[in-house]
Amino acid sequence: MHALHREQRWEPPSASLIERDPEVIPDVDIAAHVGKDLFLDEKILRQESGQGYVRVVEHSVLWKEKEASTVFTYQGLTTCTEVDKSWTIMSGAYNHVRSKRGKDERSMAMFIRKEVEHQERLEAAGYLSPTWRVLRALQSLLSATQLQGESAVAAPPFSPNAGRGTVRFWGNEQGPTVFLCDGLDAEGRKECERTIQTQKAWVVWSRARPMKEDCAPRGFEHVGKNVFCGKANRSKKEQGEPKAEEGLEDEAPYSDVNPSGRALKLQGAWENPQ
């Protein structure tokens, strides 16, 4: 019965699952504990045959490029321990920025410190970063290749070019641009005004009206057209106040906006994903 069943036309030929398994990696007796026997600025240890190997560790490894390094990575976070420029950001962001800029460790530590300070100033004023989904949607409007705003520690890695005014995170200054208006500094706002007056391929993401009750139209509002105007829920947590009502984003400060709609990230998401 089994042989006849296998000869049916509708049944595809079967193969043992073990045929799809990768080849077994032989065990090697090499002490290659990162941070103890092996540092990234040293030659990688190899066995005499020259064959590669995989090392699986039970616990998270403290990752340093050299023994005297003040920058280390542990459990997905990269930290600088220098007294005058200490910081902690996600290791993915640090590795991405460094690979794009190609700077040495000390120069990177100083650059990241300045970018962290800028991001902290923005968030101290109540700023919330747009999610990557929103940024991808903005990027798709004009196939934008450049992002202007915020900081290098919060900029998305899928943007080919990124910067803030005269500060270049990575890449160049060519191509259609997405401006995060509320994440710009003084130099960045000047660059935004210059671009919208001389070019047509740009998109600006901002509050419906600026903070501090300034209702005067901004430069990009004169030149461009409104593509989308969203709304945000004002979150009132104080006891005895009415339930949160839906209102325009410009009617609620960033600190009162409920980010549950996934359009905005929580503050500090760039330094700790949890």
Protein backbone atom coordinates (compact mmCIF):
# COMPACT_ATOMS: atom_id res chain seq x y z
CA MET A 1 0.00 0.00 0.00
CA HIS A 2 2.82 2.38 0.87
CA ALA A 3 4.56 1.81 -2.49
CA LEU A 4 1.37 2.42 -4.42
CA HIS A 5 0.66 5.57 -2.42
CA ARG A 6 4.08 6.99 -3.27
CA GLU A 7 3.40 6.57 -6.98
CA GLN A 8 0.47 8.98 -7.04
CA ARG A 9 1.01 11.90 -9.44
CA TRP A 10 -0.22 14.56 -7.00
CA GLU A 11 2.38 13.74 -4.35
CA PRO A 12 5.73 15.54 -4.73
CA PRO A 13 8.96 13.62 -4.16
CA SER A 14 10.14 13.74 -0.57
CA ALA A 15 13.61 14.11 0.86
CA SER A 16 14.97 13.56 4.32
CA LEU A 17 15.21 16.73 6.39
CA ILE A 18 18.74 15.87 7.38
CA GLU A 19 19.83 16.45 3.77
CA ARG A 20 19.10 20.15 4.24
CA ASP A 21 21.06 20.48 7.46
CA PRO A 22 24.36 22.38 7.28
CA GLU A 23 27.62 20.53 7.62
CA VAL A 24 28.75 19.82 11.14
CA ILE A 25 31.43 22.21 12.42
CA PRO A 26 34.20 20.26 14.15
CA ASP A 27 35.15 21.25 17.67
CA VAL A 28 38.47 23.03 18.13
CA ASP A 29 40.50 23.56 21.26
CA ILE A 30 41.18 27.32 21.03
CA ALA A 31 40.87 29.84 23.86
CA ALA A 32 39.12 32.71 22.08
CA HIS A 33 37.20 34.58 24.75
CA VAL A 34 36.50 38.14 23.54
CA GLY A 35 37.86 40.70 25.99
CA LYS A 36 40.20 38.17 27.59
CA ASP A 37 42.11 36.20 24.98
CA LEU A 38 40.96 38.13 21.94
CA PHE A 39 40.63 41.87 21.14
CA LEU A 40 39.52 43.36 17.86
CA ASP A 41 42.81 45.14 17.23
CA GLU A 42 44.70 41.86 17.42
CA LYS A 43 45.08 39.02 14.95
CA ILE A 44 42.22 36.52 15.18
CA LEU A 45 43.32 33.21 16.67
CA ARG A 46 43.26 30.23 14.30
CA GLN A 47 44.05 26.58 14.55
CA GLU A 48 47.02 25.13 12.70
CA SER A 49 44.91 23.87 9.79
CA GLY A 50 43.59 27.39 9.20
CA GLN A 51 39.99 26.18 9.39
CA GLY A 52 37.46 28.64 10.81
CA TYR A 53 35.37 28.01 13.90
CA VAL A 54 32.35 29.26 15.82
CA ARG A 55 32.47 30.18 19.49
CA VAL A 56 29.19 30.06 21.43
CA VAL A 57 29.17 31.69 24.86
CA GLU A 58 26.68 31.23 27.67
CA HIS A 59 26.57 34.85 28.86
CA SER A 60 26.80 38.27 27.19
CA VAL A 61 30.35 39.34 26.39
CA LEU A 62 31.87 42.72 27.21
CA TRP A 63 33.14 43.84 23.79
CA LYS A 64 36.17 46.15 23.56
CA GLU A 65 38.37 46.99 20.60
CA LYS A 66 41.46 47.04 22.80
CA GLU A 67 42.24 46.48 26.45
CA ALA A 68 42.64 50.18 27.32
CA SER A 69 39.53 51.24 25.38
CA THR A 70 37.04 53.59 27.09
CA VAL A 71 34.25 52.53 24.70
CA PHE A 72 32.68 49.11 25.16
CA THR A 73 29.60 47.20 24.03
CA TYR A 74 27.54 45.02 26.35
CA GLN A 75 24.06 43.54 25.88
CA GLY A 76 23.28 45.63 22.81
CA LEU A 77 24.39 48.98 24.26
CA THR A 78 27.61 50.87 23.54
CA THR A 79 28.96 53.05 26.36
CA CYS A 80 31.76 55.60 26.62
CA THR A 81 33.20 55.91 30.14
CA GLU A 82 35.32 59.04 29.68
CA VAL A 83 34.43 61.53 32.40
CA ASP A 84 34.01 64.60 30.18
CA LYS A 85 32.11 62.84 27.37
CA SER A 86 30.32 59.80 28.74
CA TRP A 87 27.28 58.45 26.90
CA THR A 88 25.27 55.29 26.18
CA ILE A 89 23.46 54.50 22.93
CA MET A 90 22.32 51.39 21.08
CA SER A 91 25.28 49.47 19.69
CA GLY A 92 23.66 49.17 16.27
CA ALA A 93 23.51 52.96 15.93
CA TYR A 94 27.14 53.36 17.06
CA ASN A 95 28.47 50.71 14.69
CA HIS A 96 26.46 52.11 11.79
CA VAL A 97 27.64 55.70 12.29
CA ARG A 98 31.24 54.63 12.75
CA SER A 99 31.20 52.44 9.64
CA LYS A 100 29.87 55.39 7.62
CA ARG A 101 32.24 58.00 9.04
CA GLY A 102 35.35 55.85 9.38
CA LYS A 103 36.65 57.76 12.42
CA ASP A 104 38.93 56.52 15.16
CA GLU A 105 37.47 55.70 18.57
CA ARG A 106 38.35 58.99 20.28
CA SER A 107 36.97 61.15 17.46
CA MET A 108 33.80 59.06 17.44
CA ALA A 109 33.42 59.46 21.21
CA MET A 110 33.54 63.26 20.90
CA PHE A 111 31.15 63.29 17.92
CA ILE A 112 28.63 61.00 19.61
CA ARG A 113 28.77 63.11 22.78
CA LYS A 114 27.76 66.24 20.83
CA GLU A 115 24.96 64.36 19.06
CA VAL A 116 23.66 62.94 22.34
CA GLU A 117 23.62 66.44 23.86
CA HIS A 118 21.59 67.74 20.89
CA GLN A 119 19.09 64.88 21.13
CA GLU A 120 18.75 65.38 24.88
CA ARG A 121 18.06 69.11 24.39
CA LEU A 122 15.32 68.29 21.88
CA GLU A 123 13.66 65.78 24.17
CA ALA A 124 14.00 68.06 27.22
CA ALA A 125 11.78 70.48 25.28
CA GLY A 126 9.25 67.66 24.75
CA TYR A 127 10.29 66.55 21.25
CA LEU A 128 9.31 63.06 20.08
CA SER A 129 10.95 61.40 17.07
CA PRO A 130 8.79 60.00 14.26
CA THR A 131 8.85 56.22 13.92
CA TRP A 132 10.78 54.52 11.13
CA ARG A 133 7.47 53.63 9.48
CA VAL A 134 6.60 57.32 9.23
CA LEU A 135 10.08 58.18 7.97
CA ARG A 136 9.87 55.52 5.28
CA ALA A 137 6.50 56.94 4.19
CA LEU A 138 7.98 60.45 3.99
CA GLN A 139 10.98 59.10 2.10
CA SER A 140 8.73 57.38 -0.44
CA LEU A 141 6.90 60.59 -1.40
CA LEU A 142 9.77 61.82 -3.58
CA SER A 143 12.17 58.88 -3.34
CA ALA A 144 14.18 61.02 -0.92
CA THR A 145 17.83 60.11 -0.42
CA GLN A 146 18.68 62.63 2.29
CA LEU A 147 17.43 63.24 5.85
CA GLN A 148 17.93 66.52 7.70
CA GLY A 149 17.22 66.82 11.41
CA GLU A 150 17.58 65.33 14.89
CA SER A 151 20.94 63.67 15.55
CA ALA A 152 23.25 60.93 14.32
CA VAL A 153 22.23 58.69 17.26
CA ALA A 154 18.56 58.80 16.22
CA ALA A 155 18.84 58.97 12.42
CA PRO A 156 17.55 55.84 10.61
CA PRO A 157 20.22 53.68 8.93
CA PHE A 158 18.11 53.24 5.78
CA SER A 159 18.65 56.87 4.78
CA PRO A 160 21.58 56.95 2.29
CA ASN A 161 22.54 60.47 3.44
CA ALA A 162 21.84 62.19 6.75
CA GLY A 163 22.84 65.38 8.53
CA ARG A 164 21.70 68.50 10.34
CA GLY A 165 22.59 71.82 8.77
CA THR A 166 26.38 71.99 8.50
CA VAL A 167 26.80 68.77 10.51
CA ARG A 168 27.08 65.75 8.23
CA PHE A 169 26.25 62.39 9.86
CA TRP A 170 27.11 60.34 6.77
CA GLY A 171 26.84 60.51 2.98
CA ASN A 172 26.59 63.72 0.95
CA GLU A 173 24.13 66.59 0.52
CA GLN A 174 22.62 65.62 -2.82
CA GLY A 175 19.16 64.37 -3.68
CA PRO A 176 15.57 64.93 -2.51
CA THR A 177 15.44 65.75 1.19
CA VAL A 178 13.18 65.00 4.15
CA PHE A 179 13.38 67.76 6.79
CA LEU A 180 12.40 67.02 10.39
CA CYS A 181 11.63 70.65 11.08
CA ASP A 182 11.30 70.49 14.88
CA GLY A 183 14.53 68.47 15.13
CA LEU A 184 16.71 71.10 13.44
CA ASP A 185 19.08 73.54 15.10
CA ALA A 186 19.62 77.14 13.91
CA GLU A 187 21.97 76.09 11.09
CA GLY A 188 19.60 73.33 10.07
CA ARG A 189 16.66 75.74 9.81
CA LYS A 190 18.73 78.04 7.59
CA GLU A 191 19.56 75.08 5.35
CA CYS A 192 15.88 74.15 5.23
CA GLU A 193 14.86 77.67 4.20
CA ARG A 194 17.57 77.79 1.52
CA THR A 195 16.54 74.42 0.11
CA ILE A 196 12.82 75.15 -0.12
CA GLN A 197 13.55 78.42 -1.96
CA THR A 198 15.95 76.92 -4.50
CA GLN A 199 14.73 73.34 -4.98
CA LYS A 200 11.46 71.50 -5.43
CA ALA A 201 12.31 67.98 -4.23
CA TRP A 202 11.76 68.25 -0.47
CA VAL A 203 9.35 67.12 2.24
CA VAL A 204 8.94 68.76 5.65
CA TRP A 205 7.62 66.95 8.73
CA SER A 206 6.57 69.31 11.54
CA ARG A 207 3.87 70.15 14.01
CA ALA A 208 0.74 71.67 12.50
CA ARG A 209 1.77 74.90 14.22
CA PRO A 210 5.08 75.62 15.94
CA MET A 211 5.36 75.47 19.69
CA LYS A 212 5.19 78.61 21.85
CA GLU A 213 1.88 79.62 20.23
CA ASP A 214 3.53 81.07 17.12
CA CYS A 215 0.79 81.01 14.48
CA ALA A 216 2.68 82.83 11.73
CA PRO A 217 3.05 80.78 8.52
CA ARG A 218 6.49 79.28 8.05
CA GLY A 219 8.53 79.45 4.86
CA PHE A 220 7.73 75.96 3.63
CA GLU A 221 4.01 76.63 4.15
CA HIS A 222 4.17 79.46 1.59
CA VAL A 223 6.05 77.43 -1.02
CA GLY A 224 4.75 73.89 -0.57
CA LYS A 225 1.36 72.27 -0.12
CA ASN A 226 -0.07 70.37 2.81
CA VAL A 227 0.01 66.64 1.99
CA PHE A 228 -1.09 65.29 5.36
CA CYS A 229 -2.30 66.71 8.68
CA GLY A 230 -2.55 64.17 11.47
CA LYS A 231 -4.12 64.22 14.89
CA ALA A 232 -2.89 63.16 18.32
CA ASN A 233 -4.65 62.22 21.53
CA ARG A 234 -4.00 64.53 24.44
CA SER A 235 -3.27 62.30 27.42
CA LYS A 236 -4.53 63.69 30.73
CA LYS A 237 -3.36 61.50 33.59
CA GLU A 238 -4.30 63.79 36.46
CA GLN A 239 -7.07 62.36 38.60
CA GLY A 240 -10.47 63.95 38.14
CA GLU A 241 -9.81 65.31 34.65
CA PRO A 242 -12.03 64.22 31.76
CA LYS A 243 -11.06 61.37 29.47
CA ALA A 244 -8.52 62.18 26.77
CA GLU A 245 -10.12 63.73 23.73
CA GLU A 246 -8.90 63.75 20.20
CA GLY A 247 -7.42 67.08 19.14
CA LEU A 248 -5.10 68.51 16.58
CA GLU A 249 -1.42 67.98 17.28
CA ASP A 250 -0.82 71.72 17.49
CA GLU A 251 -3.25 71.98 20.40
CA ALA A 252 -1.21 69.67 22.63
CA PRO A 253 2.42 69.98 23.71
CA TYR A 254 4.66 67.02 22.94
CA SER A 255 4.68 66.03 26.61
CA ASP A 256 0.90 65.56 26.55
CA VAL A 257 0.75 63.57 23.31
CA ASN A 258 -0.09 59.90 23.65
CA PRO A 259 2.39 57.98 21.41
CA SER A 260 0.24 54.84 21.30
CA GLY A 261 -0.66 55.56 17.67
CA ARG A 262 2.86 54.48 16.67
CA ALA A 263 3.56 57.66 14.70
CA LEU A 264 5.99 58.91 17.35
CA LYS A 265 8.60 57.13 19.44
CA LEU A 266 8.94 57.37 23.18
CA GLN A 267 11.66 59.65 24.48
CA GLY A 268 15.00 57.94 24.95
CA ALA A 269 14.29 55.17 22.42
CA TRP A 270 17.65 55.91 20.76
CA GLU A 271 19.64 55.06 23.90
CA ASN A 272 17.71 52.09 25.23
CA PRO A 273 15.20 50.01 23.21
CA GLN A 274 13.49 48.92 26.42
